[in-house]
PDB file of N, CA and C in Angstrom:
ATOM      1  N   MET A   1       0.840  -1.181   0.000  1.00  0.00           N
ATOM      2  CA  MET A   1       0.000   0.000   0.000  1.00  0.00           C
ATOM      3  C   MET A   1       0.887   1.246   0.000  1.00  0.00           C
ATOM      4  N   LYS A   2       0.590   2.173  -0.878  1.00  0.00           N
ATOM      5  CA  LYS A   2       1.385   3.384  -1.004  1.00  0.00           C
ATOM      6  C   LYS A   2       0.920   4.437   0.007  1.00  0.00           C
ATOM      7  N   SER A   3       1.873   5.099   0.665  1.00  0.00           N
ATOM      8  CA  SER A   3       1.550   6.150   1.626  1.00  0.00           C
ATOM      9  C   SER A   3       1.455   7.500   0.928  1.00  0.00           C
ATOM     10  N   PHE A   4       0.546   8.331   1.395  1.00  0.00           N
ATOM     11  CA  PHE A   4       0.456   9.696   0.887  1.00  0.00           C
ATOM     12  C   PHE A   4      -0.077  10.587   2.000  1.00  0.00           C
ATOM     13  N   ALA A   5       0.204  11.858   1.886  1.00  0.00           N
ATOM     14  CA  ALA A   5      -0.282  12.821   2.868  1.00  0.00           C
ATOM     15  C   ALA A   5      -1.541  13.487   2.329  1.00  0.00           C
ATOM     16  N   CYS A   6      -2.581  13.483   3.113  1.00  0.00           N
ATOM     17  CA  CYS A   6      -3.830  14.136   2.716  1.00  0.00           C
ATOM     18  C   CYS A   6      -3.609  15.648   2.704  1.00  0.00           C
ATOM     19  N   ASP A   7      -4.014  16.279   1.627  1.00  0.00           N
ATOM     20  CA  ASP A   7      -3.864  17.735   1.531  1.00  0.00           C
ATOM     21  C   ASP A   7      -5.217  18.449   1.590  1.00  0.00           C
ATOM     22  N   ASN A   8      -6.226  17.736   2.110  1.00  0.00           N
ATOM     23  CA  ASN A   8      -7.564  18.313   2.229  1.00  0.00           C
ATOM     24  C   ASN A   8      -8.151  17.955   3.595  1.00  0.00           C
ATOM     25  N   LEU A   9      -7.467  18.386   4.650  1.00  0.00           N
ATOM     26  CA  LEU A   9      -7.911  18.097   6.007  1.00  0.00           C
ATOM     27  C   LEU A   9      -8.818  19.210   6.520  1.00  0.00           C
ATOM     28  N   ARG A  10      -9.754  18.819   7.371  1.00  0.00           N
ATOM     29  CA  ARG A  10     -10.659  19.781   8.011  1.00  0.00           C
ATOM     30  C   ARG A  10     -10.709  19.459   9.495  1.00  0.00           C
ATOM     31  N   CYS A  11     -10.754  20.494  10.309  1.00  0.00           N
ATOM     32  CA  CYS A  11     -10.815  20.312  11.758  1.00  0.00           C
ATOM     33  C   CYS A  11     -12.276  20.222  12.194  1.00  0.00           C
ATOM     34  N   THR A  12     -12.617  19.168  12.918  1.00  0.00           N
ATOM     35  CA  THR A  12     -13.988  19.016  13.399  1.00  0.00           C
ATOM     36  C   THR A  12     -14.213  19.800  14.691  1.00  0.00           C
ATOM     37  N   ASN A  13     -13.139  20.350  15.244  1.00  0.00           N
ATOM     38  CA  ASN A  13     -13.262  21.148  16.463  1.00  0.00           C
ATOM     39  C   ASN A  13     -13.605  22.609  16.143  1.00  0.00           C
ATOM     40  N   CYS A  14     -12.829  23.244  15.257  1.00  0.00           N
ATOM     41  CA  CYS A  14     -13.074  24.656  14.908  1.00  0.00           C
ATOM     42  C   CYS A  14     -13.774  24.809  13.558  1.00  0.00           C
ATOM     43  N   ASP A  15     -13.931  23.712  12.820  1.00  0.00           N
ATOM     44  CA  ASP A  15     -14.598  23.678  11.516  1.00  0.00           C
ATOM     45  C   ASP A  15     -13.876  24.507  10.453  1.00  0.00           C
ATOM     46  N   PHE A  16     -12.552  24.579  10.560  1.00  0.00           N
ATOM     47  CA  PHE A  16     -11.753  25.265   9.549  1.00  0.00           C
ATOM     48  C   PHE A  16     -10.914  24.257   8.780  1.00  0.00           C
ATOM     49  N   ARG A  17     -10.580  24.631   7.551  1.00  0.00           N
ATOM     50  CA  ARG A  17      -9.666  23.835   6.737  1.00  0.00           C
ATOM     51  C   ARG A  17      -8.284  23.897   7.375  1.00  0.00           C
ATOM     52  N   VAL A  18      -7.560  22.786   7.332  1.00  0.00           N
ATOM     53  CA  VAL A  18      -6.196  22.730   7.857  1.00  0.00           C
ATOM     54  C   VAL A  18      -5.250  23.209   6.761  1.00  0.00           C
ATOM     55  N   SER A  19      -4.471  24.229   7.066  1.00  0.00           N
ATOM     56  CA  SER A  19      -3.484  24.751   6.119  1.00  0.00           C
ATOM     57  C   SER A  19      -2.185  23.981   6.273  1.00  0.00           C
ATOM     58  N   ILE A  20      -1.473  23.822   5.169  1.00  0.00           N
ATOM     59  CA  ILE A  20      -0.199  23.109   5.168  1.00  0.00           C
ATOM     60  C   ILE A  20       0.867  24.050   4.631  1.00  0.00           C
ATOM     61  N   PHE A  21       1.922  24.227   5.419  1.00  0.00           N
ATOM     62  CA  PHE A  21       3.040  25.067   5.014  1.00  0.00           C
ATOM     63  C   PHE A  21       4.269  24.175   4.885  1.00  0.00           C
ATOM     64  N   ARG A  22       4.621  23.861   3.644  1.00  0.00           N
ATOM     65  CA  ARG A  22       5.736  22.955   3.384  1.00  0.00           C
ATOM     66  C   ARG A  22       7.074  23.647   3.632  1.00  0.00           C
ATOM     67  N   ASP A  23       8.018  22.868   4.165  1.00  0.00           N
ATOM     68  CA  ASP A  23       9.363  23.346   4.512  1.00  0.00           C
ATOM     69  C   ASP A  23       9.346  24.393   5.622  1.00  0.00           C
ATOM     70  N   PHE A  24       8.350  24.279   6.498  1.00  0.00           N
ATOM     71  CA  PHE A  24       8.266  25.115   7.697  1.00  0.00           C
ATOM     72  C   PHE A  24       7.881  24.242   8.883  1.00  0.00           C
ATOM     73  N   ALA A  25       8.204  24.714  10.087  1.00  0.00           N
ATOM     74  CA  ALA A  25       7.758  24.100  11.333  1.00  0.00           C
ATOM     75  C   ALA A  25       7.287  25.228  12.246  1.00  0.00           C
ATOM     76  N   TRP A  26       6.323  24.924  13.102  1.00  0.00           N
ATOM     77  CA  TRP A  26       5.803  25.929  14.022  1.00  0.00           C
ATOM     78  C   TRP A  26       6.793  26.206  15.140  1.00  0.00           C
ATOM     79  N   ASP A  27       6.893  27.458  15.525  1.00  0.00           N
ATOM     80  CA  ASP A  27       7.648  27.833  16.711  1.00  0.00           C
ATOM     81  C   ASP A  27       6.919  27.256  17.925  1.00  0.00           C
ATOM     82  N   LEU A  28       7.660  26.818  18.923  1.00  0.00           N
ATOM     83  CA  LEU A  28       7.045  26.197  20.101  1.00  0.00           C
ATOM     84  C   LEU A  28       6.154  27.163  20.879  1.00  0.00           C
ATOM     85  N   SER A  29       6.328  28.453  20.679  1.00  0.00           N
ATOM     86  CA  SER A  29       5.518  29.442  21.401  1.00  0.00           C
ATOM     87  C   SER A  29       4.170  29.726  20.732  1.00  0.00           C
ATOM     88  N   THR A  30       3.860  29.045  19.639  1.00  0.00           N
ATOM     89  CA  THR A  30       2.597  29.278  18.928  1.00  0.00           C
ATOM     90  C   THR A  30       1.415  28.907  19.824  1.00  0.00           C
ATOM     91  N   SER A  31       0.512  29.840  20.014  1.00  0.00           N
ATOM     92  CA  SER A  31      -0.633  29.625  20.906  1.00  0.00           C
ATOM     93  C   SER A  31      -1.939  29.506  20.117  1.00  0.00           C
ATOM     94  N   THR A  32      -2.949  28.984  20.788  1.00  0.00           N
ATOM     95  CA  THR A  32      -4.270  28.877  20.183  1.00  0.00           C
ATOM     96  C   THR A  32      -4.819  30.262  19.849  1.00  0.00           C
ATOM     97  N   LEU A  33      -4.586  31.235  20.712  1.00  0.00           N
ATOM     98  CA  LEU A  33      -5.049  32.594  20.447  1.00  0.00           C
ATOM     99  C   LEU A  33      -4.395  33.159  19.189  1.00  0.00           C
ATOM    100  N   PHE A  34      -3.095  32.901  19.023  1.00  0.00           N
ATOM    101  CA  PHE A  34      -2.398  33.346  17.816  1.00  0.00           C
ATOM    102  C   PHE A  34      -3.027  32.713  16.579  1.00  0.00           C
ATOM    103  N   LEU A  35      -3.284  31.411  16.633  1.00  0.00           N
ATOM    104  CA  LEU A  35      -3.888  30.710  15.498  1.00  0.00           C
ATOM    105  C   LEU A  35      -5.272  31.269  15.192  1.00  0.00           C
ATOM    106  N   ARG A  36      -6.075  31.458  16.222  1.00  0.00           N
ATOM    107  CA  ARG A  36      -7.436  31.953  16.035  1.00  0.00           C
ATOM    108  C   ARG A  36      -7.448  33.327  15.371  1.00  0.00           C
ATOM    109  N   ASN A  37      -6.493  34.167  15.718  1.00  0.00           N
ATOM    110  CA  ASN A  37      -6.459  35.528  15.172  1.00  0.00           C
ATOM    111  C   ASN A  37      -5.786  35.631  13.810  1.00  0.00           C
ATOM    112  N   ASN A  38      -4.978  34.633  13.421  1.00  0.00           N
ATOM    113  CA  ASN A  38      -4.149  34.787  12.227  1.00  0.00           C
ATOM    114  C   ASN A  38      -4.303  33.733  11.141  1.00  0.00           C
ATOM    115  N   MET A  39      -4.804  32.554  11.470  1.00  0.00           N
ATOM    116  CA  MET A  39      -4.958  31.523  10.445  1.00  0.00           C
ATOM    117  C   MET A  39      -6.128  31.865   9.545  1.00  0.00           C
ATOM    118  N   PRO A  40      -6.070  31.578   8.275  1.00  0.00           N
ATOM    119  CA  PRO A  40      -5.028  30.876   7.525  1.00  0.00           C
ATOM    120  C   PRO A  40      -4.105  31.818   6.741  1.00  0.00           C
ATOM    121  N   ASN A  41      -4.019  33.074   7.135  1.00  0.00           N
ATOM    122  CA  ASN A  41      -3.241  34.072   6.406  1.00  0.00           C
ATOM    123  C   ASN A  41      -1.737  33.848   6.588  1.00  0.00           C
ATOM    124  N   PHE A  42      -1.058  33.368   5.535  1.00  0.00           N
ATOM    125  CA  PHE A  42       0.368  33.056   5.630  1.00  0.00           C
ATOM    126  C   PHE A  42       1.190  34.268   6.053  1.00  0.00           C
ATOM    127  N   ASP A  43       0.866  35.434   5.530  1.00  0.00           N
ATOM    128  CA  ASP A  43       1.636  36.632   5.884  1.00  0.00           C
ATOM    129  C   ASP A  43       1.579  36.919   7.379  1.00  0.00           C
ATOM    130  N   LYS A  44       0.464  36.598   8.009  1.00  0.00           N
ATOM    131  CA  LYS A  44       0.329  36.816   9.456  1.00  0.00           C
ATOM    132  C   LYS A  44       0.970  35.701  10.277  1.00  0.00           C
ATOM    133  N   VAL A  45       0.804  34.448   9.854  1.00  0.00           N
ATOM    134  CA  VAL A  45       1.348  33.337  10.650  1.00  0.00           C
ATOM    135  C   VAL A  45       2.846  33.146  10.439  1.00  0.00           C
ATOM    136  N   ARG A  46       3.394  33.759   9.419  1.00  0.00           N
ATOM    137  CA  ARG A  46       4.830  33.628   9.115  1.00  0.00           C
ATOM    138  C   ARG A  46       5.695  33.974  10.325  1.00  0.00           C
ATOM    139  N   ALA A  47       5.203  34.840  11.202  1.00  0.00           N
ATOM    140  CA  ALA A  47       5.953  35.242  12.396  1.00  0.00           C
ATOM    141  C   ALA A  47       6.237  34.059  13.322  1.00  0.00           C
ATOM    142  N   LYS A  48       5.414  33.023  13.266  1.00  0.00           N
ATOM    143  CA  LYS A  48       5.585  31.849  14.137  1.00  0.00           C
ATOM    144  C   LYS A  48       6.055  30.615  13.377  1.00  0.00           C
ATOM    145  N   LEU A  49       6.412  30.779  12.113  1.00  0.00           N
ATOM    146  CA  LEU A  49       6.910  29.658  11.315  1.00  0.00           C
ATOM    147  C   LEU A  49       8.415  29.776  11.133  1.00  0.00           C
ATOM    148  N   LYS A  50       9.105  28.668  11.325  1.00  0.00           N
ATOM    149  CA  LYS A  50      10.551  28.603  11.135  1.00  0.00           C
ATOM    150  C   LYS A  50      10.842  27.750   9.905  1.00  0.00           C
ATOM    151  N   VAL A  51      11.749  28.201   9.060  1.00  0.00           N
ATOM    152  CA  VAL A  51      12.126  27.428   7.872  1.00  0.00           C
ATOM    153  C   VAL A  51      12.793  26.137   8.327  1.00  0.00           C
ATOM    154  N   LYS A  52      12.262  24.996   7.879  1.00  0.00           N
ATOM    155  CA  LYS A  52      12.826  23.676   8.186  1.00  0.00           C
ATOM    156  C   LYS A  52      12.606  22.784   6.978  1.00  0.00           C
ATOM    157  N   LYS A  53      13.646  22.590   6.210  1.00  0.00           N
ATOM    158  CA  LYS A  53      13.581  21.779   4.996  1.00  0.00           C
ATOM    159  C   LYS A  53      13.096  20.365   5.334  1.00  0.00           C
ATOM    160  N   GLY A  54      12.137  19.876   4.565  1.00  0.00           N
ATOM    161  CA  GLY A  54      11.627  18.523   4.757  1.00  0.00           C
ATOM    162  C   GLY A  54      10.500  18.412   5.776  1.00  0.00           C
ATOM    163  N   TRP A  55      10.162  19.480   6.448  1.00  0.00           N
ATOM    164  CA  TRP A  55       9.086  19.477   7.437  1.00  0.00           C
ATOM    165  C   TRP A  55       7.817  20.064   6.822  1.00  0.00           C
ATOM    166  N   CYS A  56       6.689  19.806   7.466  1.00  0.00           N
ATOM    167  CA  CYS A  56       5.424  20.446   7.110  1.00  0.00           C
ATOM    168  C   CYS A  56       4.776  20.958   8.391  1.00  0.00           C
ATOM    169  N   ALA A  57       4.335  22.207   8.347  1.00  0.00           N
ATOM    170  CA  ALA A  57       3.600  22.797   9.466  1.00  0.00           C
ATOM    171  C   ALA A  57       2.120  22.762   9.098  1.00  0.00           C
ATOM    172  N   TYR A  58       1.344  22.052   9.891  1.00  0.00           N
ATOM    173  CA  TYR A  58      -0.100  21.956   9.689  1.00  0.00           C
ATOM    174  C   TYR A  58      -0.773  22.836  10.733  1.00  0.00           C
ATOM    175  N   GLY A  59      -1.866  23.495  10.351  1.00  0.00           N
ATOM    176  CA  GLY A  59      -2.555  24.308  11.340  1.00  0.00           C
ATOM    177  C   GLY A  59      -3.970  24.665  10.942  1.00  0.00           C
ATOM    178  N   CYS A  60      -4.815  24.766  11.947  1.00  0.00           N
ATOM    179  CA  CYS A  60      -6.174  25.263  11.773  1.00  0.00           C
ATOM    180  C   CYS A  60      -6.311  26.440  12.738  1.00  0.00           C
ATOM    181  N   GLN A  61      -7.511  26.765  13.173  1.00  0.00           N
ATOM    182  CA  GLN A  61      -7.643  27.884  14.099  1.00  0.00           C
ATOM    183  C   GLN A  61      -7.588  27.460  15.560  1.00  0.00           C
ATOM    184  N   CYS A  62      -7.359  26.169  15.818  1.00  0.00           N
ATOM    185  CA  CYS A  62      -7.267  25.745  17.220  1.00  0.00           C
ATOM    186  C   CYS A  62      -6.074  24.839  17.519  1.00  0.00           C
ATOM    187  N   HIS A  63      -5.397  24.318  16.496  1.00  0.00           N
ATOM    188  CA  HIS A  63      -4.239  23.450  16.722  1.00  0.00           C
ATOM    189  C   HIS A  63      -3.176  23.664  15.652  1.00  0.00           C
ATOM    190  N   ALA A  64      -1.944  23.425  16.049  1.00  0.00           N
ATOM    191  CA  ALA A  64      -0.817  23.472  15.116  1.00  0.00           C
ATOM    192  C   ALA A  64       0.059  22.255  15.379  1.00  0.00           C
ATOM    193  N   MET A  65       0.612  21.705  14.313  1.00  0.00           N
ATOM    194  CA  MET A  65       1.459  20.528  14.449  1.00  0.00           C
ATOM    195  C   MET A  65       2.503  20.544  13.339  1.00  0.00           C
ATOM    196  N   SER A  66       3.741  20.212  13.687  1.00  0.00           N
ATOM    197  CA  SER A  66       4.825  20.114  12.708  1.00  0.00           C
ATOM    198  C   SER A  66       5.258  18.663  12.609  1.00  0.00           C
ATOM    199  N   VAL A  67       5.457  18.183  11.383  1.00  0.00           N
ATOM    200  CA  VAL A  67       5.867  16.795  11.182  1.00  0.00           C
ATOM    201  C   VAL A  67       6.949  16.713  10.115  1.00  0.00           C
ATOM    202  N   ASN A  68       7.769  15.683  10.242  1.00  0.00           N
ATOM    203  CA  ASN A  68       8.778  15.429   9.209  1.00  0.00           C
ATOM    204  C   ASN A  68       8.764  13.974   8.756  1.00  0.00           C
ATOM    205  N   VAL A  69       7.725  13.230   9.150  1.00  0.00           N
ATOM    206  CA  VAL A  69       7.538  11.842   8.731  1.00  0.00           C
ATOM    207  C   VAL A  69       6.048  11.609   8.481  1.00  0.00           C
ATOM    208  N   PHE A  70       5.732  10.595   7.675  1.00  0.00           N
ATOM    209  CA  PHE A  70       4.336  10.207   7.497  1.00  0.00           C
ATOM    210  C   PHE A  70       3.827   9.622   8.799  1.00  0.00           C
ATOM    211  N   MET A  71       2.615   9.973   9.164  1.00  0.00           N
ATOM    212  CA  MET A  71       2.008   9.393  10.361  1.00  0.00           C
ATOM    213  C   MET A  71       0.498   9.326  10.175  1.00  0.00           C
ATOM    214  N   GLU A  72      -0.104   8.344  10.814  1.00  0.00           N
ATOM    215  CA  GLU A  72      -1.554   8.214  10.770  1.00  0.00           C
ATOM    216  C   GLU A  72      -2.166   9.231  11.726  1.00  0.00           C
ATOM    217  N   MET A  73      -3.270   9.823  11.329  1.00  0.00           N
ATOM    218  CA  MET A  73      -3.896  10.845  12.157  1.00  0.00           C
ATOM    219  C   MET A  73      -4.336  10.307  13.515  1.00  0.00           C
ATOM    220  N   LYS A  74      -4.642   9.034  13.601  1.00  0.00           N
ATOM    221  CA  LYS A  74      -5.059   8.489  14.899  1.00  0.00           C
ATOM    222  C   LYS A  74      -3.922   8.536  15.920  1.00  0.00           C
ATOM    223  N   ARG A  75      -2.671   8.651  15.446  1.00  0.00           N
ATOM    224  CA  ARG A  75      -1.531   8.794  16.363  1.00  0.00           C
ATOM    225  C   ARG A  75      -1.434  10.208  16.921  1.00  0.00           C
ATOM    226  N   ALA A  76      -2.097  11.153  16.269  1.00  0.00           N
ATOM    227  CA  ALA A  76      -2.117  12.547  16.726  1.00  0.00           C
ATOM    228  C   ALA A  76      -3.460  12.806  17.399  1.00  0.00           C
ATOM    229  N   SER A  77      -3.662  12.191  18.545  1.00  0.00           N
ATOM    230  CA  SER A  77      -4.975  12.216  19.195  1.00  0.00           C
ATOM    231  C   SER A  77      -5.371  13.597  19.716  1.00  0.00           C
ATOM    232  N   HIS A  78      -4.429  14.530  19.806  1.00  0.00           N
ATOM    233  CA  HIS A  78      -4.753  15.867  20.313  1.00  0.00           C
ATOM    234  C   HIS A  78      -5.415  16.753  19.259  1.00  0.00           C
ATOM    235  N   VAL A  79      -5.411  16.340  18.001  1.00  0.00           N
ATOM    236  CA  VAL A  79      -6.072  17.114  16.948  1.00  0.00           C
ATOM    237  C   VAL A  79      -7.289  16.348  16.440  1.00  0.00           C
ATOM    238  N   LYS A  80      -8.267  17.080  15.980  1.00  0.00           N
ATOM    239  CA  LYS A  80      -9.510  16.485  15.466  1.00  0.00           C
ATOM    240  C   LYS A  80      -9.608  16.765  13.972  1.00  0.00           C
ATOM    241  N   TRP A  81      -8.630  16.279  13.223  1.00  0.00           N
ATOM    242  CA  TRP A  81      -8.574  16.533  11.789  1.00  0.00           C
ATOM    243  C   TRP A  81      -9.002  15.291  11.024  1.00  0.00           C
ATOM    244  N   VAL A  82      -9.822  15.509  10.007  1.00  0.00           N
ATOM    245  CA  VAL A  82     -10.309  14.415   9.165  1.00  0.00           C
ATOM    246  C   VAL A  82     -10.163  14.807   7.703  1.00  0.00           C
ATOM    247  N   CYS A  83     -10.102  13.806   6.843  1.00  0.00           N
ATOM    248  CA  CYS A  83     -10.056  14.064   5.409  1.00  0.00           C
ATOM    249  C   CYS A  83     -11.404  14.647   4.990  1.00  0.00           C
ATOM    250  N   ALA A  84     -11.360  15.751   4.250  1.00  0.00           N
ATOM    251  CA  ALA A  84     -12.586  16.400   3.778  1.00  0.00           C
ATOM    252  C   ALA A  84     -12.988  15.912   2.392  1.00  0.00           C
ATOM    253  N   GLY A  85     -12.313  14.884   1.886  1.00  0.00           N
ATOM    254  CA  GLY A  85     -12.648  14.299   0.593  1.00  0.00           C
ATOM    255  C   GLY A  85     -11.748  14.770  -0.530  1.00  0.00           C
ATOM    256  N   HIS A  86     -11.712  13.948  -1.585  1.00  0.00           N
ATOM    257  CA  HIS A  86     -10.865  14.252  -2.749  1.00  0.00           C
ATOM    258  C   HIS A  86     -11.663  14.115  -4.021  1.00  0.00           C
TER     259      HIS A  86
END
């Protein structure tokens, strides 16, 4: 079975589309309030994104997560993200 990353995620908690910023990772100080006020505007969230080759920063208006490997969403139990269809 071939692995792929879903690029159409939606958060069932805040009901926003999950944005993906390739080659970036979130700064550890990124807060829910920051996300709520600035997502999904890249120009605004750029202040909390660090350039990291090979990483992806995922975020909605209530959660942010940085990854550098494929992982199943059920392993990320703190986020409520689901595929919104293709």
